[in-house]
Protein backbone atom coordinates (compact mmCIF):
# COMPACT_ATOMS: atom_id res chain seq x y z
CA MET A 1 117.07 -9.46 18.23
CA THR A 2 115.97 -12.93 17.19
CA ALA A 3 118.49 -15.21 18.89
CA PRO A 4 117.23 -17.13 21.92
CA VAL A 5 119.14 -15.28 24.64
CA SER A 6 118.15 -14.17 28.11
CA ARG A 7 116.83 -10.67 28.65
CA GLY A 8 120.07 -9.71 30.42
CA ASN A 9 122.25 -10.99 27.62
CA GLY A 10 120.02 -9.26 25.08
CA VAL A 11 120.44 -5.92 26.86
CA MET A 12 124.20 -6.48 27.04
CA LEU A 13 124.42 -7.38 23.35
CA ASN A 14 122.35 -4.36 22.33
CA TYR A 15 124.69 -2.19 24.42
CA THR A 16 127.79 -3.61 22.72
CA VAL A 17 126.26 -3.11 19.27
CA LYS A 18 125.49 0.49 20.17
CA LEU A 19 129.04 0.91 21.49
CA THR A 20 130.42 -0.50 18.24
CA LYS A 21 128.25 1.57 15.89
CA ASP A 22 128.30 4.94 17.71
CA GLU A 23 129.77 5.10 21.18
CA THR A 24 128.74 8.74 21.52
CA SER A 25 125.09 7.69 21.52
CA ILE A 26 125.43 5.81 24.80
CA THR A 27 123.76 7.59 27.73
CA SER A 28 122.99 6.93 31.36
CA VAL A 29 119.76 5.29 30.18
CA ASP A 30 121.82 2.48 28.65
CA HIS A 31 123.65 1.99 31.94
CA ARG A 32 120.36 1.98 33.87
CA GLU A 33 119.03 -0.71 31.52
CA LEU A 34 122.11 -2.83 32.19
CA ARG A 35 121.70 -2.36 35.95
CA ALA A 36 118.00 -3.24 35.71
CA VAL A 37 118.88 -6.70 34.36
CA GLY A 38 121.52 -7.37 37.00
CA PHE A 39 124.80 -5.87 35.84
CA ASN A 40 126.66 -3.81 38.45
CA ASP A 41 129.12 -1.00 37.73
CA GLN A 42 132.10 -3.35 37.61
CA ALA A 43 130.34 -5.60 35.08
CA ILE A 44 129.34 -2.59 32.95
CA LEU A 45 132.96 -1.44 32.95
CA GLN A 46 134.14 -4.92 31.94
CA ILE A 47 131.55 -5.19 29.16
CA THR A 48 132.58 -1.76 27.87
CA LEU A 49 136.32 -2.45 28.02
CA ILE A 50 136.08 -5.84 26.32
CA ALA A 51 133.82 -4.58 23.52
CA ALA A 52 135.97 -1.49 23.00
CA TRP A 53 139.16 -3.59 22.93
CA TYR A 54 137.73 -5.93 20.28
CA ASN A 55 136.62 -2.93 18.23
CA TYR A 56 140.10 -1.45 18.51
CA ILE A 57 142.06 -4.60 17.72
CA ASN A 58 139.83 -5.47 14.75
CA ARG A 59 140.35 -2.01 13.28
CA VAL A 60 144.12 -2.36 13.71
CA ALA A 61 144.09 -5.80 12.07
CA ASP A 62 141.91 -4.54 9.21
CA ALA A 63 144.16 -1.53 8.65
CA LEU A 64 147.23 -3.75 8.48
CA GLY A 65 145.56 -6.30 6.25
CA ILE A 66 145.98 -9.08 8.78
CA GLY A 67 144.05 -12.19 7.77
CA LYS A 68 143.27 -11.04 4.24
CA ASP A 69 145.73 -13.39 2.57
């Protein structure tokens, strides 16, 4: 990552990229890394739900051609 973000935000962003590319590759190690930079279980759940929702809604929009015209 090259953007000037905090370590915590960097870990969170790496987690959301991993979630987006291959959610099955996420393990407890990823959750431990998030906890190590200050995210608690509720925050990890929120990060996961928000990223997953955006992934879902973007796929729906792409499938329906929304925004292509």
